[in-house]
Protein backbone atom coordinates (compact mmCIF):
# COMPACT_ATOMS: atom_id res chain seq x y z
CA MET A 1 -66.34 -3.42 -133.59
CA GLY A 2 -67.64 -3.58 -137.10
CA PRO A 3 -67.73 -6.68 -139.56
CA PRO A 4 -65.10 -9.36 -139.08
CA LEU A 5 -61.71 -9.78 -141.03
CA THR A 6 -62.28 -9.18 -144.83
CA GLU A 7 -59.57 -9.96 -147.61
CA SER A 8 -59.53 -8.51 -151.01
CA ARG A 9 -57.14 -7.83 -153.87
CA GLU A 10 -56.58 -4.61 -155.81
CA PRO A 11 -54.10 -3.32 -158.34
CA LEU A 12 -51.07 -1.46 -156.99
CA THR A 13 -51.23 2.10 -157.62
CA ALA A 14 -48.39 4.05 -159.41
CA GLU A 15 -47.29 5.60 -155.89
CA GLU A 16 -47.27 2.22 -154.21
CA ARG A 17 -45.20 0.80 -156.92
CA GLY A 18 -42.75 3.60 -156.59
CA GLN A 19 -42.68 3.15 -152.71
CA LEU A 20 -41.80 -0.68 -153.31
CA ARG A 21 -39.14 0.02 -155.85
CA ARG A 22 -37.53 2.47 -153.59
CA ARG A 23 -37.53 0.16 -150.67
CA ALA A 24 -36.01 -2.45 -153.12
CA VAL A 25 -33.10 0.06 -154.13
CA GLY A 26 -32.30 0.86 -150.51
CA ALA A 27 -32.18 -2.89 -149.82
CA VAL A 28 -29.93 -3.70 -152.52
CA ALA A 29 -27.69 -0.66 -151.60
CA ALA A 30 -27.46 -2.08 -147.95
CA GLY A 31 -26.99 -5.49 -149.32
CA LEU A 32 -23.90 -4.58 -151.35
CA ALA A 33 -22.49 -2.45 -148.62
CA ILE A 34 -22.68 -5.45 -146.17
CA GLY A 35 -21.27 -7.96 -148.76
CA GLY A 36 -18.53 -5.60 -149.40
CA ILE A 37 -17.61 -5.45 -145.68
CA VAL A 38 -17.67 -9.28 -145.48
CA VAL A 39 -15.37 -9.65 -148.48
CA ALA A 40 -13.04 -7.17 -147.20
CA VAL A 41 -12.82 -8.78 -143.77
CA PHE A 42 -12.18 -12.28 -145.57
CA ARG A 43 -9.16 -10.66 -147.53
CA ALA A 44 -7.98 -9.13 -144.48
CA ILE A 45 -7.89 -12.54 -142.89
CA GLY A 46 -6.19 -14.09 -145.72
CA ASP A 47 -4.86 -17.42 -145.22
CA GLU A 48 -5.11 -17.43 -141.45
CA MET A 49 -8.61 -18.80 -141.72
CA PRO A 50 -8.99 -22.33 -143.62
CA THR A 51 -10.62 -22.18 -146.96
CA ALA A 52 -13.58 -24.53 -145.69
CA VAL A 53 -14.44 -22.16 -142.92
CA ARG A 54 -14.26 -18.99 -145.32
CA LEU A 55 -16.67 -20.77 -147.77
CA GLY A 56 -19.11 -21.74 -144.90
CA PHE A 57 -19.26 -18.31 -143.58
CA GLY A 58 -19.29 -16.70 -147.07
CA GLY A 59 -22.31 -19.01 -148.15
CA PHE A 60 -24.35 -18.36 -145.06
CA PHE A 61 -23.93 -14.64 -145.20
CA GLY A 62 -24.54 -14.85 -148.87
CA LEU A 63 -27.76 -16.97 -148.54
CA ILE A 64 -29.18 -14.58 -145.95
CA LEU A 65 -28.40 -11.47 -148.30
CA LEU A 66 -30.06 -13.41 -151.30
CA VAL A 67 -33.20 -14.07 -149.20
CA ILE A 68 -33.65 -10.42 -148.12
CA LEU A 69 -32.86 -9.00 -151.38
CA GLY A 70 -35.14 -11.51 -153.13
CA LEU A 71 -38.00 -10.58 -151.07
CA ASN A 72 -37.56 -6.73 -151.54
CA VAL A 73 -36.82 -7.05 -155.43
CA GLY A 74 -39.61 -9.32 -155.83
CA ALA A 75 -41.90 -7.18 -154.12
CA ALA A 76 -40.87 -4.19 -156.47
CA PHE A 77 -42.32 -6.10 -159.43
CA GLU A 78 -45.81 -7.05 -157.93
CA THR A 79 -48.72 -5.87 -159.80
CA ASP A 80 -51.59 -6.49 -157.18
CA LYS A 81 -52.00 -5.81 -153.47
CA ARG A 82 -53.69 -7.66 -150.67
CA LEU A 83 -56.00 -5.67 -148.28
CA ARG A 84 -56.87 -7.25 -144.97
CA THR A 85 -59.43 -5.11 -142.71
CA GLY A 86 -60.56 -5.82 -139.31
CA VAL A 87 -60.02 -4.93 -135.73
CA VAL A 88 -56.67 -5.51 -133.97
CA THR A 89 -57.55 -7.97 -131.20
CA ASP A 90 -54.15 -8.91 -129.69
CA LYS A 91 -50.30 -7.99 -129.94
CA ARG A 92 -47.60 -10.13 -128.46
CA VAL A 93 -43.78 -10.31 -128.58
CA GLU A 94 -41.71 -13.47 -128.68
CA THR A 95 -38.18 -13.53 -127.54
CA TYR A 96 -35.67 -16.21 -128.37
CA ARG A 97 -34.42 -18.00 -125.29
CA ARG A 98 -35.80 -15.34 -122.92
CA GLN A 99 -32.40 -13.92 -122.30
CA ASN A 100 -31.90 -12.53 -126.10
CA ARG A 101 -32.77 -9.12 -126.91
CA SER A 102 -33.85 -10.17 -130.35
CA ALA A 103 -37.63 -10.73 -130.88
CA SER A 104 -40.30 -11.41 -133.10
CA TYR A 105 -43.61 -9.27 -133.41
CA PHE A 106 -47.16 -10.45 -133.93
CA PHE A 107 -50.45 -9.12 -134.00
CA SER A 108 -54.07 -10.46 -134.46
CA ILE A 109 -56.94 -9.13 -136.80
CA ASP A 110 -60.06 -10.43 -135.67
CA GLY A 111 -58.40 -13.34 -134.10
CA LYS A 112 -56.07 -14.16 -136.98
CA GLU A 113 -52.40 -13.88 -136.12
CA LEU A 114 -50.06 -12.23 -138.33
CA SER A 115 -46.27 -11.76 -138.18
CA ALA A 116 -45.08 -8.22 -138.60
CA GLU A 117 -42.08 -5.97 -138.97
CA LEU A 118 -41.26 -3.76 -136.27
CA TRP A 119 -42.69 -0.59 -137.93
CA VAL A 120 -46.06 -2.31 -138.43
CA TYR A 121 -46.10 -3.50 -134.88
CA GLN A 122 -45.50 0.00 -133.62
CA GLN A 123 -48.44 1.46 -135.57
CA VAL A 124 -51.32 -0.78 -134.77
CA LYS A 125 -52.94 -0.62 -131.41
CA VAL A 126 -55.35 -3.11 -129.94
CA GLY A 127 -58.93 -2.03 -130.45
CA GLN A 128 -57.99 -0.14 -133.80
CA ARG A 129 -59.76 -1.06 -136.95
CA ILE A 130 -57.17 -1.12 -139.71
CA THR A 131 -56.53 -2.05 -143.33
CA LEU A 132 -53.18 -3.82 -143.79
CA HIS A 133 -51.79 -3.33 -147.34
CA SER A 134 -49.36 -5.85 -148.49
CA THR A 135 -48.23 -7.42 -151.70
CA ALA A 136 -50.18 -10.22 -153.10
CA ARG A 137 -47.74 -12.83 -153.82
CA LEU A 138 -44.79 -12.13 -151.28
CA ASP A 139 -46.97 -10.78 -148.53
CA THR A 140 -44.76 -7.74 -147.91
CA ALA A 141 -46.59 -5.23 -145.75
CA PHE A 142 -45.95 -1.63 -147.03
CA ARG A 143 -48.92 0.31 -145.52
CA VAL A 144 -50.99 0.25 -142.39
CA GLU A 145 -54.25 2.42 -142.84
CA VAL A 146 -56.26 3.25 -139.49
CA LEU A 147 -59.84 3.33 -140.27
CA ASP A 148 -61.28 3.67 -136.65
CA ASP A 149 -59.56 4.61 -133.43
CA PRO A 150 -61.77 4.42 -130.35
CA THR A 151 -59.35 6.88 -128.44
CA THR A 152 -59.34 9.72 -130.77
CA PRO A 153 -61.01 12.95 -129.39
CA GLU A 154 -63.70 12.66 -132.21
CA ALA A 155 -64.73 9.16 -131.27
CA THR A 156 -64.30 9.77 -127.53
CA LEU A 157 -66.84 12.69 -127.90
CA GLU A 158 -69.33 10.72 -130.02
CA ALA A 159 -69.15 7.88 -127.55
CA ALA A 160 -69.77 10.03 -124.66
CA LEU A 161 -72.87 11.68 -126.49
CA ASN A 162 -74.18 8.45 -127.52
CA ALA A 163 -73.63 6.56 -124.29
CA PRO A 164 -76.50 5.70 -121.95
CA ALA A 165 -76.90 7.56 -118.63
CA THR A 166 -74.62 5.91 -116.07
CA THR A 167 -74.89 6.13 -112.31
CA TYR A 168 -72.29 8.15 -110.43
CA ARG A 169 -69.28 6.30 -109.20
CA ALA A 170 -67.41 7.54 -106.40
CA GLU A 171 -64.50 5.18 -106.92
CA ALA A 172 -63.67 6.74 -110.26
CA ILE A 173 -62.42 9.69 -108.67
CA PRO A 174 -58.78 9.60 -107.80
CA HIS A 175 -58.39 9.07 -103.87
CA ASP A 176 -56.00 7.47 -101.40
CA GLU A 177 -56.47 4.31 -99.46
CA ALA A 178 -54.68 2.07 -97.13
CA PHE A 179 -52.42 -0.90 -98.30
CA THR A 180 -53.80 -4.21 -98.65
CA VAL A 181 -51.75 -7.17 -97.80
CA GLU A 182 -50.94 -7.70 -101.37
CA ASP A 183 -49.80 -4.16 -101.73
CA HIS A 184 -47.35 -4.74 -98.89
CA ALA A 185 -45.90 -7.87 -100.46
CA CYS A 186 -45.61 -6.37 -103.92
CA LEU A 187 -43.91 -3.13 -102.47
CA ARG A 188 -41.51 -5.18 -100.35
CA ALA A 189 -40.46 -7.17 -103.44
CA HIS A 190 -39.61 -4.12 -105.32
CA LEU A 191 -37.86 -2.76 -102.30
CA LEU A 192 -35.71 -5.78 -101.97
CA VAL A 193 -34.82 -5.87 -105.96
CA SER A 194 -34.24 -2.05 -105.86
CA GLY A 195 -32.07 -2.07 -102.74
CA VAL A 196 -29.71 -4.93 -104.01
CA ARG A 197 -29.29 -3.56 -107.66
CA ARG A 198 -29.26 0.12 -106.75
CA ALA A 199 -26.84 -0.46 -103.90
CA ALA A 200 -24.40 -2.43 -106.08
CA GLY A 201 -24.77 0.19 -108.83
CA GLY A 202 -24.32 3.06 -106.38
CA LEU A 203 -21.16 1.18 -104.91
CA LEU A 204 -19.72 0.64 -108.49
CA ALA A 205 -20.47 4.17 -109.76
CA GLY A 206 -19.24 5.67 -106.49
CA GLY A 207 -15.92 3.75 -106.73
CA VAL A 208 -15.51 4.90 -110.34
CA VAL A 209 -16.06 8.47 -109.30
CA TRP A 210 -13.64 8.16 -106.27
CA LEU A 211 -10.97 6.74 -108.62
CA PHE A 212 -11.36 9.75 -111.00
CA VAL A 213 -11.23 12.31 -108.29
CA VAL A 214 -7.98 10.77 -107.00
CA LEU A 215 -6.18 10.08 -110.24
CA GLY A 216 -7.21 13.65 -111.09
CA TRP A 217 -5.81 15.08 -108.16
CA VAL A 218 -2.44 12.95 -108.55
CA PHE A 219 -1.86 14.40 -112.02
CA ALA A 220 -2.94 18.10 -110.91
CA ARG A 221 -0.81 17.89 -107.71
CA ALA A 222 2.44 18.13 -109.69
CA SER A 223 2.04 21.80 -109.84
CA LEU A 224 0.43 22.20 -106.51
CA HIS A 225 2.35 21.06 -103.29
CA SER A 226 -0.10 21.30 -100.56
CA VAL A 227 -0.50 18.96 -97.74
CA ASP A 228 -4.06 20.89 -96.71
CA LEU A 229 -5.02 20.38 -100.30
CA ASP A 230 -4.23 16.54 -100.10
CA ARG A 231 -6.23 16.19 -96.93
CA THR A 232 -9.22 18.06 -98.41
CA ILE A 233 -9.33 16.30 -101.59
CA LEU A 234 -8.80 12.77 -100.02
CA VAL A 235 -10.82 13.23 -96.92
CA ARG A 236 -13.57 15.40 -97.85
CA VAL A 237 -14.11 16.04 -101.77
CA ALA A 238 -13.64 12.25 -102.73
CA PRO A 239 -15.98 10.73 -100.17
CA LEU A 240 -18.52 13.50 -100.65
CA ALA A 241 -18.57 12.73 -104.52
CA VAL A 242 -19.05 8.99 -103.68
CA LEU A 243 -21.83 9.60 -101.35
CA THR A 244 -23.76 12.02 -103.79
CA VAL A 245 -23.48 9.48 -106.43
CA PHE A 246 -24.63 6.47 -104.22
CA ALA A 247 -27.64 8.80 -102.87
CA LEU A 248 -28.80 9.74 -106.54
CA LEU A 249 -28.71 6.08 -107.49
CA ASN A 250 -30.62 5.11 -104.54
CA TYR A 251 -33.28 7.68 -104.30
CA ARG A 252 -35.90 5.15 -105.85
CA THR A 253 -35.11 2.88 -102.91
CA VAL A 254 -35.58 5.52 -100.24
CA ALA A 255 -38.88 6.46 -102.03
CA LEU A 256 -40.12 2.88 -101.87
CA LEU A 257 -39.25 2.66 -98.31
CA ARG A 258 -41.22 5.82 -97.59
CA ASP A 259 -44.32 4.33 -99.34
CA GLU A 260 -43.98 1.07 -97.41
CA LEU A 261 -43.61 2.87 -94.14
CA LYS A 262 -46.63 5.14 -94.70
CA GLY A 263 -48.99 2.47 -96.29
CA ILE A 264 -51.02 4.66 -98.37
CA ARG A 265 -51.70 3.94 -102.22
CA HIS A 266 -53.10 6.31 -104.79
CA THR A 267 -56.10 4.92 -106.98
CA ALA A 268 -57.19 6.43 -110.25
CA VAL A 269 -58.66 5.61 -113.43
CA GLU A 270 -56.45 5.38 -116.70
CA THR A 271 -57.17 4.95 -120.26
CA VAL A 272 -55.68 1.95 -122.00
CA LEU A 273 -53.76 2.74 -125.10
CA ASP A 274 -52.41 -0.75 -126.01
CA VAL A 275 -52.05 -4.24 -124.64
CA VAL A 276 -49.21 -6.65 -125.51
CA HIS A 277 -49.83 -10.19 -124.50
CA SER A 278 -46.26 -11.28 -123.73
CA ASP A 279 -44.35 -12.04 -120.65
CA THR A 280 -41.48 -10.48 -122.13
CA VAL A 281 -40.11 -7.55 -120.07
CA LEU A 282 -40.55 -4.29 -121.91
CA LEU A 283 -38.98 -0.74 -121.56
CA SER A 284 -40.98 0.60 -124.21
CA PRO A 285 -42.87 -0.50 -127.10
CA THR A 286 -39.89 -1.24 -129.17
CA ALA A 287 -37.17 -1.94 -126.33
CA ILE A 288 -37.09 -5.46 -124.82
CA VAL A 289 -35.12 -5.58 -121.37
CA THR A 290 -34.34 -8.68 -119.67
CA GLY A 291 -33.20 -9.50 -116.06
CA THR A 292 -35.74 -7.17 -114.16
CA GLY A 293 -36.67 -10.07 -112.13
CA LEU A 294 -40.54 -10.47 -113.56
CA SER A 295 -41.40 -14.01 -114.34
CA GLY A 296 -44.86 -15.81 -114.80
CA ASP A 297 -48.09 -15.43 -116.53
CA TYR A 298 -48.64 -11.74 -117.37
CA ALA A 299 -49.10 -9.15 -120.09
CA TRP A 300 -48.24 -5.68 -120.51
CA VAL A 301 -50.73 -2.71 -120.65
CA GLN A 302 -49.97 0.89 -121.74
CA THR A 303 -51.70 4.04 -120.60
CA LYS A 304 -50.71 7.56 -121.12
CA LYS A 305 -48.53 7.50 -117.95
CA ARG A 306 -46.94 4.09 -118.05
CA TRP A 307 -46.30 0.55 -119.24
CA MET A 308 -47.33 -1.90 -116.34
CA PRO A 309 -47.54 -5.72 -116.09
CA VAL A 310 -50.95 -7.29 -115.40
CA PRO A 311 -52.34 -10.78 -115.01
CA LYS A 312 -53.35 -12.12 -118.37
CA SER A 313 -56.87 -12.85 -117.09
CA VAL A 314 -57.17 -9.16 -116.46
CA ALA A 315 -55.36 -8.24 -120.02
CA ALA A 316 -57.76 -10.39 -121.66
CA GLU A 317 -60.64 -8.12 -120.84
CA LEU A 318 -58.74 -4.79 -121.86
CA ARG A 319 -59.04 -2.88 -125.17
CA ARG A 320 -57.62 0.40 -126.54
CA GLY A 321 -60.01 3.04 -124.98
CA VAL A 322 -61.21 1.20 -122.09
CA GLU A 323 -60.85 2.87 -118.61
CA VAL A 324 -59.16 0.91 -115.78
CA GLU A 325 -58.55 1.58 -112.29
CA VAL A 326 -54.83 1.65 -111.29
CA ALA A 327 -53.39 1.66 -107.76
CA THR A 328 -49.84 2.97 -107.23
CA ALA A 329 -47.54 3.99 -104.58
CA PRO A 330 -47.48 7.60 -104.42
CA ARG A 331 -43.73 8.50 -104.13
CA SER A 332 -42.03 5.77 -106.12
CA GLY A 333 -44.95 5.45 -108.71
CA VAL A 334 -44.87 1.53 -108.60
CA VAL A 335 -48.05 -0.08 -109.86
CA LEU A 336 -49.57 -2.20 -107.11
CA ALA A 337 -52.87 -3.24 -108.60
CA VAL A 338 -54.73 -3.07 -111.84
CA ALA A 339 -58.75 -3.51 -112.10
CA GLY A 340 -58.46 -4.62 -108.44
CA ALA A 341 -55.95 -7.59 -109.28
CA PRO A 342 -52.41 -7.36 -107.83
CA VAL A 343 -49.68 -7.00 -110.33
CA PRO A 344 -46.71 -9.54 -110.71
CA ARG A 345 -44.01 -8.94 -108.25
CA PRO A 346 -40.36 -8.79 -109.31
CA ARG A 347 -37.90 -11.31 -108.17
CA LEU A 348 -34.16 -11.51 -107.58
CA GLY A 349 -32.10 -13.37 -110.22
CA VAL A 350 -28.99 -15.40 -110.04
CA LEU A 351 -26.85 -12.31 -110.74
CA ASP A 352 -28.77 -10.31 -108.15
CA GLY A 353 -27.85 -13.18 -105.67
CA ALA A 354 -24.19 -12.95 -106.52
CA LEU A 355 -24.16 -9.32 -106.03
CA LEU A 356 -25.89 -9.71 -102.68
CA LEU A 357 -23.19 -12.32 -101.63
CA VAL A 358 -20.44 -10.09 -102.71
CA PHE A 359 -21.95 -7.23 -100.91
CA LEU A 360 -22.31 -9.03 -97.53
CA ALA A 361 -18.55 -10.45 -97.79
CA VAL A 362 -17.14 -6.78 -98.51
CA ALA A 363 -19.22 -5.40 -95.64
CA TRP A 364 -18.09 -8.24 -93.36
CA CYS A 365 -14.46 -7.74 -94.17
CA LEU A 366 -14.54 -3.99 -93.56
CA PHE A 367 -16.42 -4.52 -90.31
CA ALA A 368 -13.89 -7.16 -89.23
CA THR A 369 -10.98 -4.74 -90.29
CA ALA A 370 -12.70 -1.88 -88.23
CA LEU A 371 -12.85 -4.12 -85.19
CA GLU A 372 -9.43 -5.43 -85.34
CA SER A 373 -7.95 -1.91 -85.78
CA SER A 374 -10.06 -0.48 -82.60
CA GLY A 375 -9.09 -3.22 -80.47
CA PRO A 376 -6.41 -2.96 -77.61
CA ALA A 377 -2.77 -2.70 -78.89
CA THR A 378 -0.48 -5.79 -77.98
CA ALA A 379 2.96 -5.51 -76.74
C-alpha cells in the first residue's frame, strides 16, 4: 500500500501556470456567453416580468457566475501548488433527493475524503497510489498523477512472480452449478421488473410503429387504390411490425425466463477495476440512472465485463486488482451473487405499479369486448 497520505507544497511550473490561465480564459468566455444569453432573454421579456423578479433572477445568476469565474481566475494567479500523495481507498457518489440526476463526487486518499470534479473522479480508481495536484490557496485540482496501479500488466506480472506458492483452487475455474434459493428469488425479481417495464415499453413502441405504418399507408394510398393492398397493410404488415418491435424489446424477459426454467448459473472469477461506495443507481462511471428499482445498503463494483451492485459488507473488502467470484445467469447475464453473497434485488416502483394496473385494465377491457362480440346474437 505504501506510506500514508503525505502533503507538501511546491512552486507551480510555467506549464502548469499556462494550463490554469487557459482554463481561466475558457471559463471567462463561457461566463460572458451565458451572461449575454441571460441579458438577451430579459430584454426579450421586457415589461412582461416585474422589475423585482428580473433583479432577483439577474442577481442570482450573476452571483453564480462571479463565484465560478472568481475561482478560475484566482487559480490562474496562484504561484504554489499543493501535492497530496496516497492510496485511493474509497469512492462514492451523492445524489440530491435520490430522484435527481445531479450528483456530487467524492474519493478518499488514505481515509481522508475529498470532493472532486467529474474528470478527477473518472481518473482515480480504488487501490491506485496517486498524487493530486491542486492550487495551494483555492484548492482547485488540475492534475492527477498515477504513481502505482496494481492492475497494470507490469504490476500483475511482478505480483505473480513474487507471490508465494498457492494451492490449486478448483472453484477458481469457470463452471456451472445449480441455482440456490437466493438465486431463484433474485432472478424472479428481475423477471418481474423486466416483464412489467419491457411489456409496457413494447406496447407503447408497438403502438407508435402501428400508427406510423397506418398513417404512411393513408398518405400513400392516394395514388394506389387497391382493396387487396389495404387488407395486406392493415391485417398483415402493421400487426407484424408491432409484434416484431414487441419481441425485440422483450428479448431480455424471455432470456430471464429461460434462465429461471433451467436453474443453472455460471460462476467465474473476475478482476475488480473500481469500487464506488454509493447506493446510487449507476449506468456507467459518469451516468446516474434512477428508477431501476434497486434500494438499500449496497455499493457498485466494476470489472472488465460489468458494473454490479454488491452488499457494502462485501464491497468493503474489495480493492482494485482483487479477484472476486461472480455468479451470473448464462442467457440474461444477470448477476446473482458476488463473493458468495447474494446481490440486491430490483423492486417495482410506484410508476411500475401504475403501468401494471393500466396493462391489466386494458387487457380486461379487450377480453370483455372479445367475449361480448363472440356471444350469441340477440333478436
